[in-house]
Amino acid sequence: MGVPFIVTAFVMLLLILLYTFEGGVKTIVYTDTLQTTFMLGGLIICIIALLNKMDYGFLEAFSVLKSEGLTRIFNTDIKASGFS
């Protein structure tokens, strides 16, 4: 469309400021909640699509991840290489 980036950025910032001042913090909270809900929904849809593409069920995929050691969140072994 030939519009310079700086003009586009300025207009977007102006719209965000107007939206914030007109709607207040309550509107931002609702918008963020809606955005987070859609992002989590998209994540769940992606996981289901990937599991279907790989012909894994949820429990089967979890057991494969566990056997590879990929389900461990916290490493409490101070002798491990990650503790340097």
N, C-alpha and C. Protein backbone atom coordinates (compact mmCIF):
# COMPACT_ATOMS: atom_id res chain seq x y z
N MET A 1 0.82 -1.20 0.00
CA MET A 1 0.00 0.00 0.00
C MET A 1 0.86 1.26 0.00
N GLY A 2 2.16 1.12 0.20
CA GLY A 2 3.04 2.28 0.12
C GLY A 2 3.07 3.17 1.34
N VAL A 3 2.50 2.74 2.46
CA VAL A 3 2.50 3.55 3.68
C VAL A 3 3.81 3.26 4.44
N PRO A 4 4.56 4.29 4.80
CA PRO A 4 5.81 4.07 5.53
C PRO A 4 5.56 3.42 6.90
N PHE A 5 6.54 2.63 7.34
CA PHE A 5 6.40 1.91 8.61
C PHE A 5 6.17 2.86 9.77
N ILE A 6 6.90 3.96 9.82
CA ILE A 6 6.80 4.89 10.94
C ILE A 6 5.39 5.46 11.06
N VAL A 7 4.74 5.71 9.93
CA VAL A 7 3.35 6.21 9.94
C VAL A 7 2.42 5.13 10.47
N THR A 8 2.60 3.90 10.00
CA THR A 8 1.76 2.80 10.46
C THR A 8 1.92 2.58 11.96
N ALA A 9 3.17 2.60 12.44
CA ALA A 9 3.43 2.41 13.87
C ALA A 9 2.80 3.53 14.69
N PHE A 10 2.93 4.76 14.23
CA PHE A 10 2.34 5.90 14.94
C PHE A 10 0.82 5.79 15.01
N VAL A 11 0.19 5.44 13.91
CA VAL A 11 -1.27 5.30 13.89
C VAL A 11 -1.71 4.18 14.82
N MET A 12 -0.99 3.07 14.81
CA MET A 12 -1.35 1.96 15.69
C MET A 12 -1.21 2.35 17.16
N LEU A 13 -0.12 3.04 17.50
CA LEU A 13 0.06 3.50 18.89
C LEU A 13 -1.04 4.48 19.29
N LEU A 14 -1.39 5.36 18.39
CA LEU A 14 -2.47 6.31 18.66
C LEU A 14 -3.79 5.59 18.92
N LEU A 15 -4.09 4.58 18.09
CA LEU A 15 -5.32 3.81 18.27
C LEU A 15 -5.32 3.06 19.59
N ILE A 16 -4.17 2.50 19.96
CA ILE A 16 -4.07 1.77 21.24
C ILE A 16 -4.29 2.72 22.40
N LEU A 17 -3.69 3.92 22.33
CA LEU A 17 -3.88 4.89 23.41
C LEU A 17 -5.34 5.33 23.51
N LEU A 18 -5.96 5.61 22.39
CA LEU A 18 -7.38 6.01 22.41
C LEU A 18 -8.25 4.89 22.97
N TYR A 19 -7.97 3.67 22.54
CA TYR A 19 -8.73 2.51 23.01
C TYR A 19 -8.59 2.36 24.53
N THR A 20 -7.37 2.56 25.03
CA THR A 20 -7.12 2.43 26.47
C THR A 20 -7.82 3.52 27.25
N PHE A 21 -7.71 4.77 26.78
CA PHE A 21 -8.32 5.87 27.51
C PHE A 21 -9.84 5.82 27.46
N GLU A 22 -10.41 5.42 26.36
CA GLU A 22 -11.86 5.35 26.24
C GLU A 22 -12.45 4.17 27.01
N GLY A 23 -11.83 3.02 26.91
CA GLY A 23 -12.38 1.81 27.52
C GLY A 23 -11.88 1.57 28.93
N GLY A 24 -10.74 2.11 29.27
CA GLY A 24 -10.18 1.92 30.59
C GLY A 24 -9.52 0.57 30.74
N VAL A 25 -9.04 0.34 31.95
CA VAL A 25 -8.32 -0.89 32.26
C VAL A 25 -9.23 -2.11 32.15
N LYS A 26 -10.49 -1.93 32.45
CA LYS A 26 -11.44 -3.03 32.38
C LYS A 26 -11.49 -3.63 30.97
N THR A 27 -11.47 -2.77 29.97
CA THR A 27 -11.48 -3.24 28.58
C THR A 27 -10.21 -4.01 28.25
N ILE A 28 -9.08 -3.53 28.76
CA ILE A 28 -7.81 -4.21 28.51
C ILE A 28 -7.82 -5.60 29.15
N VAL A 29 -8.36 -5.70 30.34
CA VAL A 29 -8.44 -7.01 31.01
C VAL A 29 -9.29 -7.96 30.20
N TYR A 30 -10.45 -7.50 29.72
CA TYR A 30 -11.31 -8.36 28.90
C TYR A 30 -10.61 -8.77 27.61
N THR A 31 -9.93 -7.83 26.97
CA THR A 31 -9.23 -8.12 25.73
C THR A 31 -8.12 -9.14 25.96
N ASP A 32 -7.33 -8.95 27.02
CA ASP A 32 -6.25 -9.89 27.33
C ASP A 32 -6.80 -11.28 27.67
N THR A 33 -7.92 -11.32 28.38
CA THR A 33 -8.53 -12.61 28.71
C THR A 33 -8.99 -13.32 27.45
N LEU A 34 -9.61 -12.59 26.56
CA LEU A 34 -10.07 -13.17 25.30
C LEU A 34 -8.89 -13.65 24.46
N GLN A 35 -7.84 -12.85 24.39
CA GLN A 35 -6.65 -13.23 23.63
C GLN A 35 -6.00 -14.48 24.21
N THR A 36 -5.86 -14.54 25.52
CA THR A 36 -5.26 -15.71 26.16
C THR A 36 -6.11 -16.95 25.93
N THR A 37 -7.41 -16.81 25.99
CA THR A 37 -8.31 -17.94 25.75
C THR A 37 -8.13 -18.49 24.34
N PHE A 38 -8.05 -17.60 23.36
CA PHE A 38 -7.86 -18.04 21.98
C PHE A 38 -6.48 -18.65 21.76
N MET A 39 -5.46 -18.10 22.42
CA MET A 39 -4.12 -18.66 22.27
C MET A 39 -4.04 -20.06 22.88
N LEU A 40 -4.63 -20.25 24.05
CA LEU A 40 -4.64 -21.58 24.66
C LEU A 40 -5.47 -22.55 23.84
N GLY A 41 -6.58 -22.07 23.30
CA GLY A 41 -7.39 -22.91 22.42
C GLY A 41 -6.61 -23.33 21.18
N GLY A 42 -5.88 -22.39 20.59
CA GLY A 42 -5.05 -22.70 19.43
C GLY A 42 -3.96 -23.70 19.77
N LEU A 43 -3.37 -23.56 20.95
CA LEU A 43 -2.35 -24.51 21.40
C LEU A 43 -2.93 -25.91 21.52
N ILE A 44 -4.10 -26.02 22.11
CA ILE A 44 -4.74 -27.33 22.26
C ILE A 44 -5.07 -27.93 20.89
N ILE A 45 -5.57 -27.10 19.98
CA ILE A 45 -5.87 -27.58 18.62
C ILE A 45 -4.60 -28.06 17.93
N CYS A 46 -3.49 -27.33 18.09
CA CYS A 46 -2.22 -27.73 17.48
C CYS A 46 -1.72 -29.05 18.05
N ILE A 47 -1.83 -29.22 19.36
CA ILE A 47 -1.39 -30.47 19.99
C ILE A 47 -2.21 -31.64 19.47
N ILE A 48 -3.52 -31.46 19.40
CA ILE A 48 -4.39 -32.53 18.89
C ILE A 48 -4.05 -32.85 17.44
N ALA A 49 -3.84 -31.82 16.61
CA ALA A 49 -3.50 -32.04 15.20
C ALA A 49 -2.18 -32.78 15.06
N LEU A 50 -1.18 -32.39 15.86
CA LEU A 50 0.12 -33.07 15.80
C LEU A 50 0.02 -34.52 16.24
N LEU A 51 -0.72 -34.76 17.32
CA LEU A 51 -0.87 -36.14 17.79
C LEU A 51 -1.60 -36.99 16.75
N ASN A 52 -2.60 -36.43 16.11
CA ASN A 52 -3.31 -37.17 15.05
C ASN A 52 -2.38 -37.45 13.87
N LYS A 53 -1.56 -36.47 13.50
CA LYS A 53 -0.65 -36.63 12.37
C LYS A 53 0.41 -37.70 12.66
N MET A 54 0.82 -37.81 13.92
CA MET A 54 1.83 -38.80 14.31
C MET A 54 1.22 -40.13 14.72
N ASP A 55 -0.10 -40.23 14.63
CA ASP A 55 -0.83 -41.45 15.03
C ASP A 55 -0.56 -41.86 16.48
N TYR A 56 -0.56 -40.87 17.35
CA TYR A 56 -0.41 -41.11 18.78
C TYR A 56 -1.68 -40.68 19.50
N GLY A 57 -2.03 -41.44 20.53
CA GLY A 57 -3.05 -40.99 21.46
C GLY A 57 -2.36 -40.16 22.53
N PHE A 58 -3.13 -39.48 23.37
CA PHE A 58 -2.53 -38.63 24.39
C PHE A 58 -1.68 -39.44 25.36
N LEU A 59 -2.20 -40.54 25.86
CA LEU A 59 -1.46 -41.35 26.84
C LEU A 59 -0.22 -41.98 26.21
N GLU A 60 -0.35 -42.40 24.96
CA GLU A 60 0.79 -42.99 24.27
C GLU A 60 1.90 -41.94 24.06
N ALA A 61 1.52 -40.75 23.66
CA ALA A 61 2.50 -39.68 23.46
C ALA A 61 3.16 -39.31 24.79
N PHE A 62 2.39 -39.27 25.84
CA PHE A 62 2.94 -38.94 27.16
C PHE A 62 3.92 -40.00 27.61
N SER A 63 3.63 -41.27 27.36
CA SER A 63 4.55 -42.33 27.77
C SER A 63 5.84 -42.27 26.96
N VAL A 64 5.76 -41.90 25.67
CA VAL A 64 6.97 -41.74 24.85
C VAL A 64 7.80 -40.58 25.39
N LEU A 65 7.16 -39.46 25.70
CA LEU A 65 7.86 -38.31 26.27
C LEU A 65 8.52 -38.67 27.60
N LYS A 66 7.81 -39.43 28.41
CA LYS A 66 8.35 -39.82 29.72
C LYS A 66 9.54 -40.74 29.56
N SER A 67 9.49 -41.68 28.60
CA SER A 67 10.60 -42.59 28.40
C SER A 67 11.85 -41.86 27.89
N GLU A 68 11.66 -40.74 27.21
CA GLU A 68 12.79 -39.93 26.73
C GLU A 68 13.27 -38.93 27.79
N GLY A 69 12.57 -38.87 28.93
CA GLY A 69 12.95 -37.94 29.99
C GLY A 69 12.53 -36.50 29.72
N LEU A 70 11.54 -36.31 28.88
CA LEU A 70 11.12 -34.96 28.50
C LEU A 70 9.96 -34.42 29.34
N THR A 71 9.51 -35.17 30.32
CA THR A 71 8.42 -34.69 31.16
C THR A 71 8.91 -34.12 32.48
N ARG A 72 10.19 -34.16 32.68
CA ARG A 72 10.75 -33.67 33.94
C ARG A 72 10.88 -32.16 33.87
N ILE A 73 10.25 -31.47 34.78
CA ILE A 73 10.24 -30.01 34.77
C ILE A 73 11.39 -29.45 35.60
N PHE A 74 11.57 -29.96 36.79
CA PHE A 74 12.60 -29.46 37.69
C PHE A 74 13.72 -30.48 37.83
N ASN A 75 14.95 -30.02 37.73
CA ASN A 75 16.11 -30.88 37.94
C ASN A 75 16.69 -30.56 39.30
N THR A 76 16.54 -31.46 40.24
CA THR A 76 17.03 -31.21 41.60
C THR A 76 18.35 -31.92 41.87
N ASP A 77 18.94 -32.55 40.87
CA ASP A 77 20.22 -33.23 41.03
C ASP A 77 21.34 -32.21 40.87
N ILE A 78 22.02 -31.88 41.98
CA ILE A 78 23.05 -30.84 41.93
C ILE A 78 24.31 -31.31 41.19
N LYS A 79 24.42 -32.61 40.94
CA LYS A 79 25.57 -33.14 40.21
C LYS A 79 25.33 -33.19 38.71
N ALA A 80 24.14 -32.80 38.27
CA ALA A 80 23.79 -32.82 36.85
C ALA A 80 24.55 -31.72 36.10
N SER A 81 24.72 -31.91 34.80
CA SER A 81 25.48 -30.94 34.00
C SER A 81 24.76 -29.59 33.89
N GLY A 82 23.46 -29.56 34.11
CA GLY A 82 22.72 -28.30 34.04
C GLY A 82 22.97 -27.39 35.22
N PHE A 83 23.53 -27.91 36.29
CA PHE A 83 23.84 -27.14 37.49
C PHE A 83 25.28 -26.67 37.46
N SER A 84 25.62 -25.68 36.71
CA SER A 84 27.03 -25.27 36.70
C SER A 84 27.22 -23.96 37.35
